[in-house]
Amino acid sequence: MERDTKSIGTPLVESSKRATKLQTLGNIIVTVVGTGVLGLPFAFRIAGWVAGSLGVAIVGVSTYYCMLLLVMCREKLASEEPLGEAGTYGDLGYRSFGTPGRYVTEVIIVVAQCAGSVAYLVFIGQNLHSVFQPQGLSMASFIFLLVPFEIGLSWIGSLSALAPFSIFADVCNVLAMGIVVKEDIRLAIGEGFPFGERTTITSNIGGLPFAAGMAIFCFEGFGMTLALENSMQDRRKFPILLAQTFGGITLVYILFGFCGYMAFGEETRDIVTLNLPRNWSSLGVQIGLCLGLVFTFPVMLHPINEILEGKLRIILRNNNDSTTVLGNIGKYISRAVVVVGVAILASLVPEFGVFASFVGSTLCAMLSFVLPATFHLKLFGSSLPTWQKILDSIVFLSGLFFAVYGTYNTIVGV
């Protein structure tokens, strides 16, 4: 569930005040790590703990490489013609393939943002349904109960007012991971990890792309790459810092997925917090996660609202209507419609794990692998050494194949 507040046409991170190395480290972690990590033990259950570990490692390395491709493409274009303060993913699409390139790139980003918003509501709905089971309400009922509140939050003009809740959600994420690990340790001491009963590599081939889709979904915030690099004081150190951060995140992901699967085995749920015992600590973390996501949900909708409101301003301008009252009314209506539309989509999603894998297999694979490799091959062309052309082609073809095959397996089930 991406927490990026990406603006399609403008830089995402204000560059008037450059970030230190430590601040950039924090920004990378907050941008990349989201609630998708709580689905990793389920991915390990589907793929097996050996295949799951290798898969997360491969996805981590590949995502890091493709992030560097974006930075190199932006640097090349900036040396030829000014791109503004940061340039955007859409700018690279435009410089590579003209207006169609910008259109395709931005549509994928917006749809991905919408899918991330749906995933937020599905996650909240499943956890609230788990906590308040005696009330007899369905997951969809909890989602629709939140709609009026989310509409009100979406009308708040300043996203900075919601920033503390984003931090709160990250704290709850860490607490949830800590409680899962504590449960793992308890089982290890009391019963021991039954390695022999856990799958190493699944015999169901379809389970591998399904689990890989979830792993890709966990490496969020790919569209923030250019803004993060641009915000750093010493941009030359960004690749090294990114490598160190990704190495740490990947290791934590592998250990968390492994421990969660070892603890709960074939009973591992698509959101591992649903496996926790119903005591005050686990229930508190679940409620805390939901509260944090409820308040940061409008941040997820920001890019969508920005584009719709931009179109609305164009319509008013073309009709020679400069009335700000009509513009404000239209803004409030459009934001309410977006919230209701996303809630309806979320109510139709069967479960978090299936949806996360679907988003990872399609939108995230396109953004993270296919487009960066395509831009790099197009912009650098014959100047690239043969080995890098081959590597980029492998990334492109693998990402494209995975998007098609992974989508198929997610739809038909594993």
Protein backbone atom coordinates (compact mmCIF):
# COMPACT_ATOMS: atom_id res chain seq x y z
CA MET A 1 0.00 0.00 0.00
CA GLU A 2 1.93 2.86 -1.29
CA ARG A 3 2.30 5.82 0.99
CA ASP A 4 3.74 8.06 -1.69
CA THR A 5 2.04 11.38 -2.22
CA LYS A 6 3.28 11.57 -5.76
CA SER A 7 2.30 14.50 -7.85
CA ILE A 8 2.14 13.51 -11.47
CA GLY A 9 3.40 16.75 -12.92
CA THR A 10 5.47 18.36 -10.17
CA PRO A 11 8.39 17.39 -7.97
CA LEU A 12 7.36 15.29 -5.01
CA VAL A 13 9.83 16.45 -2.41
CA GLU A 14 10.51 20.10 -1.82
CA SER A 15 14.10 20.74 -2.72
CA SER A 16 14.52 24.20 -1.20
CA LYS A 17 15.72 22.48 1.92
CA ARG A 18 18.03 19.57 1.14
CA ALA A 19 17.86 16.42 3.24
CA THR A 20 20.83 15.08 5.15
CA LYS A 21 22.01 11.52 4.74
CA LEU A 22 20.10 10.46 7.87
CA GLN A 23 16.94 12.25 6.73
CA THR A 24 17.17 10.63 3.30
CA LEU A 25 17.60 7.25 4.98
CA GLY A 26 14.40 7.86 6.95
CA ASN A 27 12.56 9.03 3.83
CA ILE A 28 13.56 5.88 1.93
CA ILE A 29 12.39 3.61 4.74
CA VAL A 30 9.06 5.42 5.18
CA THR A 31 8.51 5.41 1.41
CA VAL A 32 9.46 1.78 0.76
CA VAL A 33 8.12 -0.03 3.82
CA GLY A 34 4.35 -0.28 4.21
CA THR A 35 1.70 -2.62 5.53
CA GLY A 36 2.40 -4.99 2.63
CA VAL A 37 5.19 -6.48 4.75
CA LEU A 38 2.51 -8.06 6.96
CA GLY A 39 1.58 -10.26 3.99
CA LEU A 40 5.08 -11.70 3.53
CA PRO A 41 4.63 -14.73 5.84
CA PHE A 42 1.64 -15.70 3.68
CA ALA A 43 3.82 -15.38 0.57
CA PHE A 44 6.36 -17.71 2.21
CA ARG A 45 3.56 -20.16 2.94
CA ILE A 46 2.54 -20.14 -0.75
CA ALA A 47 6.06 -20.37 -2.22
CA GLY A 48 7.94 -22.21 0.54
CA TRP A 49 10.49 -20.64 2.83
CA VAL A 50 13.53 -21.25 0.57
CA ALA A 51 11.78 -20.01 -2.57
CA GLY A 52 10.29 -17.12 -0.63
CA SER A 53 13.66 -16.02 0.71
CA LEU A 54 15.32 -16.19 -2.71
CA GLY A 55 12.37 -14.41 -4.29
CA VAL A 56 12.48 -11.47 -1.87
CA ALA A 57 16.25 -11.18 -2.36
CA ILE A 58 15.91 -11.16 -6.17
CA VAL A 59 13.09 -8.62 -6.06
CA GLY A 60 15.11 -6.38 -3.73
CA VAL A 61 18.21 -6.43 -5.95
CA SER A 62 16.18 -5.94 -9.14
CA THR A 63 14.22 -3.02 -7.68
CA TYR A 64 17.44 -1.34 -6.56
CA TYR A 65 18.98 -1.75 -10.02
CA CYS A 66 15.91 -0.29 -11.74
CA MET A 67 15.87 2.66 -9.33
CA LEU A 68 19.42 3.46 -10.43
CA LEU A 69 18.31 3.23 -14.07
CA LEU A 70 15.74 5.96 -13.43
CA VAL A 71 18.36 8.19 -11.82
CA MET A 72 20.75 7.68 -14.76
CA CYS A 73 18.00 8.48 -17.26
CA ARG A 74 17.09 11.68 -15.43
CA GLU A 75 20.76 12.75 -15.25
CA LYS A 76 21.23 12.20 -18.98
CA LEU A 77 18.16 14.24 -19.87
CA ALA A 78 19.04 16.99 -17.40
CA SER A 79 22.48 17.33 -19.02
CA GLU A 80 20.83 17.83 -22.40
CA GLU A 81 17.92 20.07 -21.43
CA PRO A 82 16.70 21.36 -18.03
CA LEU A 83 14.07 19.11 -16.44
CA GLY A 84 13.15 21.46 -13.61
CA GLU A 85 14.00 20.84 -9.99
CA ALA A 86 13.44 17.11 -9.96
CA GLY A 87 11.72 15.88 -13.08
CA THR A 88 9.10 13.17 -12.78
CA TYR A 89 8.48 9.66 -13.96
CA GLY A 90 6.08 11.18 -16.50
CA ASP A 91 8.85 13.48 -17.78
CA LEU A 92 11.01 10.45 -18.56
CA GLY A 93 8.10 8.86 -20.39
CA TYR A 94 7.63 12.03 -22.44
CA ARG A 95 11.32 12.41 -23.31
CA SER A 96 11.51 8.74 -24.27
CA PHE A 97 8.32 8.28 -26.31
CA GLY A 98 6.65 11.68 -26.55
CA THR A 99 3.12 12.40 -25.43
CA PRO A 100 1.99 8.72 -25.59
CA GLY A 101 4.90 7.82 -23.29
CA ARG A 102 3.84 10.42 -20.73
CA TYR A 103 0.20 9.34 -20.99
CA VAL A 104 0.93 5.63 -20.49
CA THR A 105 3.34 6.29 -17.62
CA GLU A 106 1.02 8.60 -15.75
CA VAL A 107 -2.03 6.38 -16.26
CA ILE A 108 -0.13 3.43 -14.77
CA ILE A 109 0.94 5.57 -11.80
CA VAL A 110 -2.60 6.84 -11.16
CA VAL A 111 -4.15 3.38 -11.44
CA ALA A 112 -1.45 2.03 -9.12
CA GLN A 113 -2.28 4.79 -6.62
CA CYS A 114 -5.95 3.90 -6.82
CA ALA A 115 -5.10 0.23 -6.28
CA GLY A 116 -2.98 1.15 -3.27
CA SER A 117 -5.94 3.08 -1.83
CA VAL A 118 -8.17 0.05 -2.32
CA ALA A 119 -5.59 -2.10 -0.55
CA TYR A 120 -5.65 0.32 2.41
CA LEU A 121 -9.40 -0.13 2.83
CA VAL A 122 -9.22 -3.91 2.40
CA PHE A 123 -6.50 -4.08 5.06
CA ILE A 124 -8.53 -1.90 7.45
CA GLY A 125 -11.73 -3.84 6.77
CA GLN A 126 -10.16 -7.26 7.38
CA ASN A 127 -8.49 -6.18 10.61
CA LEU A 128 -11.59 -4.44 12.01
CA HIS A 129 -13.68 -7.46 11.09
CA SER A 130 -11.21 -9.64 12.99
CA VAL A 131 -11.23 -7.41 16.08
CA PHE A 132 -14.99 -6.86 16.24
CA GLN A 133 -16.21 -10.28 15.13
CA PRO A 134 -18.97 -10.49 17.80
CA GLN A 135 -20.70 -7.48 16.20
CA GLY A 136 -21.65 -9.59 13.20
CA LEU A 137 -20.63 -6.99 10.60
CA SER A 138 -18.99 -7.98 7.33
CA MET A 139 -15.70 -6.59 6.07
CA ALA A 140 -17.58 -4.51 3.50
CA SER A 141 -19.76 -3.03 6.25
CA PHE A 142 -16.70 -1.74 8.13
CA ILE A 143 -15.37 -0.22 4.90
CA PHE A 144 -18.60 1.66 4.17
CA LEU A 145 -18.88 2.84 7.78
CA LEU A 146 -15.59 4.67 7.23
CA VAL A 147 -16.73 6.44 4.05
CA PRO A 148 -18.29 9.58 5.66
CA PHE A 149 -15.23 10.03 7.87
CA GLU A 150 -12.83 9.56 4.95
CA ILE A 151 -14.77 12.06 2.84
CA GLY A 152 -14.39 14.62 5.63
CA LEU A 153 -10.65 13.94 5.87
CA SER A 154 -10.26 14.22 2.09
CA TRP A 155 -11.60 17.78 2.29
CA ILE A 156 -8.71 18.86 4.51
CA GLY A 157 -6.61 21.25 2.47
CA SER A 158 -3.20 20.59 4.03
CA LEU A 159 -1.64 17.14 3.75
CA SER A 160 0.98 18.18 6.31
CA ALA A 161 -1.77 18.10 8.95
CA LEU A 162 -2.03 14.34 8.36
CA ALA A 163 1.73 13.68 8.41
CA PRO A 164 1.87 12.70 12.13
CA PHE A 165 -0.63 9.94 11.46
CA SER A 166 1.60 8.53 8.75
CA ILE A 167 4.38 8.27 11.34
CA PHE A 168 1.88 6.72 13.76
CA ALA A 169 1.00 4.07 11.14
CA ASP A 170 4.71 3.26 10.67
CA VAL A 171 5.16 2.88 14.44
CA CYS A 172 2.18 0.49 14.54
CA ASN A 173 3.73 -1.44 11.65
CA VAL A 174 6.93 -1.91 13.65
CA LEU A 175 4.95 -2.93 16.75
CA ALA A 176 2.97 -5.46 14.72
CA MET A 177 6.18 -6.98 13.38
CA GLY A 178 7.61 -7.05 16.89
CA ILE A 179 4.59 -8.89 18.30
CA VAL A 180 4.73 -11.44 15.48
CA VAL A 181 8.42 -12.03 16.18
CA LYS A 182 7.65 -12.35 19.91
CA GLU A 183 5.07 -15.00 19.09
CA ASP A 184 7.66 -16.76 16.91
CA ILE A 185 10.15 -16.81 19.80
CA ARG A 186 7.49 -18.11 22.18
CA LEU A 187 6.71 -20.99 19.83
CA ALA A 188 10.41 -21.69 19.29
CA ILE A 189 11.08 -21.93 23.03
CA GLY A 190 7.91 -23.86 23.86
CA GLU A 191 7.56 -26.18 20.89
CA GLY A 192 10.48 -25.56 18.57
CA PHE A 193 10.16 -24.62 14.92
CA PRO A 194 8.90 -27.71 13.05
CA PHE A 195 11.16 -27.29 10.02
CA GLY A 196 10.21 -30.71 8.70
CA GLU A 197 6.57 -29.69 8.46
CA ARG A 198 7.25 -26.47 6.55
CA THR A 199 7.43 -26.31 2.75
CA THR A 200 10.86 -25.41 1.33
CA ILE A 201 9.89 -24.94 -2.33
CA THR A 202 6.28 -25.37 -3.36
CA SER A 203 5.35 -28.03 -5.88
CA ASN A 204 2.65 -25.69 -7.16
CA ILE A 205 4.48 -23.68 -9.82
CA GLY A 206 1.65 -21.15 -9.92
CA GLY A 207 2.40 -20.27 -6.31
CA LEU A 208 5.79 -18.78 -7.18
CA PRO A 209 4.60 -15.80 -9.27
CA PHE A 210 1.76 -15.28 -6.77
CA ALA A 211 4.24 -14.96 -3.91
CA ALA A 212 6.61 -12.88 -6.04
CA GLY A 213 3.76 -10.46 -6.73
CA MET A 214 3.31 -9.96 -3.00
CA ALA A 215 7.06 -9.44 -2.60
CA ILE A 216 7.08 -6.74 -5.29
CA PHE A 217 4.11 -5.08 -3.60
CA CYS A 218 6.19 -4.82 -0.41
CA PHE A 219 8.89 -2.70 -2.09
CA GLU A 220 6.67 0.34 -2.31
CA GLY A 221 7.29 3.91 -3.35
CA PHE A 222 9.16 3.21 -6.59
CA GLY A 223 7.70 6.36 -8.13
CA MET A 224 9.39 8.42 -5.40
CA THR A 225 12.91 7.47 -6.58
CA LEU A 226 13.68 10.68 -8.47
CA ALA A 227 12.31 12.93 -5.73
CA LEU A 228 14.27 11.13 -3.01
CA GLU A 229 17.51 11.37 -4.96
CA ASN A 230 16.93 15.01 -5.80
CA SER A 231 16.20 15.92 -2.17
CA MET A 232 19.57 14.70 -0.88
CA GLN A 233 22.33 17.21 -0.07
CA ASP A 234 25.10 15.09 -1.59
CA ARG A 235 23.37 13.30 -4.45
CA ARG A 236 26.53 11.42 -5.41
CA LYS A 237 26.13 9.32 -2.26
CA PHE A 238 22.53 8.36 -3.03
CA PRO A 239 23.32 5.04 -4.82
CA ILE A 240 25.45 3.83 -1.90
CA LEU A 241 22.88 4.92 0.68
CA LEU A 242 20.10 3.30 -1.35
CA ALA A 243 22.08 0.05 -1.60
CA GLN A 244 22.71 -0.03 2.16
CA THR A 245 19.07 0.74 2.95
CA PHE A 246 17.71 -1.81 0.49
CA GLY A 247 20.11 -4.41 1.83
CA GLY A 248 18.81 -3.88 5.36
CA ILE A 249 15.16 -3.80 4.33
CA THR A 250 15.53 -6.95 2.23
CA LEU A 251 17.18 -8.82 5.11
CA VAL A 252 14.42 -7.76 7.52
CA TYR A 253 11.77 -8.81 5.01
CA ILE A 254 13.32 -12.27 4.61
CA LEU A 255 13.65 -12.82 8.36
CA PHE A 256 10.12 -11.59 9.05
CA GLY A 257 8.54 -13.72 6.32
CA PHE A 258 10.53 -16.76 7.43
CA CYS A 259 9.72 -16.38 11.13
CA GLY A 260 6.04 -15.69 10.49
CA TYR A 261 5.65 -18.79 8.35
CA MET A 262 7.61 -20.94 10.78
CA ALA A 263 5.37 -19.80 13.63
CA PHE A 264 1.99 -20.37 12.01
CA GLY A 265 2.70 -22.83 9.19
CA GLU A 266 -0.21 -23.67 6.90
CA GLU A 267 -2.50 -21.60 9.12
CA THR A 268 -0.68 -18.38 8.14
CA ARG A 269 -3.26 -15.77 7.08
CA ASP A 270 -2.83 -13.26 4.26
CA ILE A 271 -2.36 -10.56 6.94
CA VAL A 272 -0.25 -12.18 9.63
CA THR A 273 -1.71 -10.02 12.45
CA LEU A 274 -4.93 -12.03 11.96
CA ASN A 275 -3.02 -15.06 13.30
CA LEU A 276 -2.14 -13.37 16.59
CA PRO A 277 -3.91 -14.44 19.79
CA ARG A 278 -6.81 -12.24 20.85
CA ASN A 279 -5.09 -10.47 23.73
CA TRP A 280 -4.84 -6.78 24.53
CA SER A 281 -1.46 -6.25 22.87
CA SER A 282 -2.30 -7.80 19.49
CA LEU A 283 -5.78 -6.23 19.41
CA GLY A 284 -4.26 -2.87 20.31
CA VAL A 285 -1.77 -3.10 17.46
CA GLN A 286 -4.49 -4.08 14.99
CA ILE A 287 -6.63 -1.12 16.02
CA GLY A 288 -3.58 1.16 15.94
CA LEU A 289 -2.72 0.02 12.42
CA CYS A 290 -6.26 0.72 11.29
CA LEU A 291 -6.33 4.17 12.90
CA GLY A 292 -3.04 5.14 11.32
CA LEU A 293 -4.23 4.02 7.88
CA VAL A 294 -7.62 5.70 8.28
CA PHE A 295 -5.91 9.06 8.79
CA THR A 296 -3.32 8.55 6.03
CA PHE A 297 -5.83 7.28 3.48
CA PRO A 298 -6.40 10.82 2.09
CA VAL A 299 -2.66 11.03 1.35
CA MET A 300 -3.04 8.02 -0.94
CA LEU A 301 -5.85 9.76 -2.79
CA HIS A 302 -3.93 13.01 -3.25
CA PRO A 303 -2.49 12.31 -6.75
CA ILE A 304 -5.90 11.15 -8.00
CA ASN A 305 -7.63 14.24 -6.62
CA GLU A 306 -4.94 16.49 -8.04
CA ILE A 307 -5.44 15.19 -11.58
CA LEU A 308 -9.25 15.31 -11.41
CA GLU A 309 -9.20 18.84 -10.02
CA GLY A 310 -6.76 19.89 -12.73
CA LYS A 311 -9.19 18.61 -15.36
CA LEU A 312 -12.02 20.44 -13.59
CA ARG A 313 -10.09 23.73 -13.71
CA ILE A 314 -9.48 23.24 -17.43
CA ILE A 315 -13.21 22.65 -18.03
CA LEU A 316 -14.17 25.78 -16.09
CA ARG A 317 -11.55 27.82 -17.93
CA ASN A 318 -12.73 26.58 -21.33
CA ASN A 319 -16.28 27.57 -20.41
CA ASN A 320 -15.06 31.03 -19.44
CA ASP A 321 -16.15 30.37 -15.89
CA SER A 322 -13.62 31.58 -13.36
CA THR A 323 -15.98 31.31 -10.38
CA THR A 324 -13.99 29.95 -7.47
CA VAL A 325 -17.20 28.89 -5.71
CA LEU A 326 -18.05 26.46 -8.52
CA GLY A 327 -14.49 25.22 -8.49
CA ASN A 328 -14.56 24.58 -4.74
CA ILE A 329 -17.93 22.83 -4.92
CA GLY A 330 -16.67 20.67 -7.77
CA LYS A 331 -13.55 19.85 -5.77
CA TYR A 332 -15.56 18.68 -2.76
CA ILE A 333 -17.90 16.63 -4.92
CA SER A 334 -15.10 15.00 -6.89
CA ARG A 335 -13.21 14.05 -3.71
CA ALA A 336 -16.36 12.51 -2.22
CA VAL A 337 -16.97 10.55 -5.42
CA VAL A 338 -13.40 9.24 -5.40
CA VAL A 339 -13.74 8.00 -1.80
CA VAL A 340 -17.06 6.28 -2.54
CA GLY A 341 -15.67 4.71 -5.73
CA VAL A 342 -12.59 3.34 -3.99
CA ALA A 343 -14.77 1.98 -1.15
CA ILE A 344 -17.01 0.16 -3.62
CA LEU A 345 -13.97 -1.41 -5.31
CA ALA A 346 -12.54 -2.43 -1.93
CA SER A 347 -15.81 -4.11 -0.92
CA LEU A 348 -15.52 -6.34 -4.01
CA VAL A 349 -11.97 -7.52 -3.24
CA PRO A 350 -12.03 -11.09 -1.81
CA GLU A 351 -8.95 -10.79 0.42
CA PHE A 352 -5.83 -8.73 0.94
CA GLY A 353 -3.29 -11.34 -0.17
CA VAL A 354 -4.92 -11.99 -3.54
CA PHE A 355 -5.30 -8.29 -4.27
CA ALA A 356 -1.75 -7.42 -3.14
CA SER A 357 -0.32 -10.11 -5.42
CA PHE A 358 -2.46 -8.89 -8.32
CA VAL A 359 -1.28 -5.28 -7.90
CA GLY A 360 2.34 -6.40 -7.49
CA SER A 361 2.13 -8.65 -10.55
CA THR A 362 0.70 -5.99 -12.85
CA LEU A 363 1.09 -2.33 -11.91
CA CYS A 364 4.13 -2.63 -9.65
CA ALA A 365 5.95 -4.92 -12.10
CA MET A 366 5.35 -2.41 -14.91
CA LEU A 367 6.48 0.57 -12.83
CA SER A 368 9.43 -1.13 -11.17
CA PHE A 369 10.92 -3.16 -14.01
CA VAL A 370 9.39 -2.76 -17.46
CA LEU A 371 9.31 1.05 -17.74
CA PRO A 372 12.77 1.79 -16.23
CA ALA A 373 14.45 -0.79 -18.48
CA THR A 374 12.57 0.56 -21.50
CA PHE A 375 13.53 4.19 -20.76
CA HIS A 376 17.17 3.23 -20.23
CA LEU A 377 17.41 1.28 -23.51
CA LYS A 378 15.65 4.05 -25.43
CA LEU A 379 17.57 7.03 -24.01
CA PHE A 380 21.08 5.53 -23.98
CA GLY A 381 20.71 3.31 -27.05
CA SER A 382 23.97 2.38 -28.77
CA SER A 383 26.10 4.04 -26.07
CA LEU A 384 25.32 1.18 -23.70
CA PRO A 385 27.81 -1.69 -23.43
CA THR A 386 26.56 -5.03 -24.72
CA TRP A 387 26.32 -6.57 -21.26
CA GLN A 388 24.03 -3.79 -20.03
CA LYS A 389 21.81 -4.03 -23.10
CA ILE A 390 21.44 -7.72 -22.38
CA LEU A 391 20.76 -7.09 -18.68
CA ASP A 392 18.16 -4.39 -19.42
CA SER A 393 16.50 -6.67 -21.97
CA ILE A 394 16.34 -9.49 -19.43
CA VAL A 395 14.77 -7.14 -16.86
CA PHE A 396 12.27 -5.86 -19.44
CA LEU A 397 11.25 -9.30 -20.73
CA SER A 398 11.16 -10.85 -17.26
CA GLY A 399 9.01 -8.02 -15.94
CA LEU A 400 6.64 -8.25 -18.89
CA PHE A 401 6.38 -12.03 -18.70
CA PHE A 402 5.89 -11.91 -14.96
CA ALA A 403 3.17 -9.28 -15.29
CA VAL A 404 1.21 -11.48 -17.71
CA TYR A 405 1.84 -14.83 -16.03
CA GLY A 406 1.51 -13.52 -12.49
CA THR A 407 -1.78 -11.81 -13.33
CA TYR A 408 -3.14 -15.01 -14.81
CA ASN A 409 -2.20 -17.05 -11.76
CA THR A 410 -3.67 -14.49 -9.39
CA ILE A 411 -6.98 -14.47 -11.26
CA VAL A 412 -7.36 -18.25 -11.60
CA GLY A 413 -6.07 -18.87 -8.07
CA VAL A 414 -3.09 -20.78 -6.75
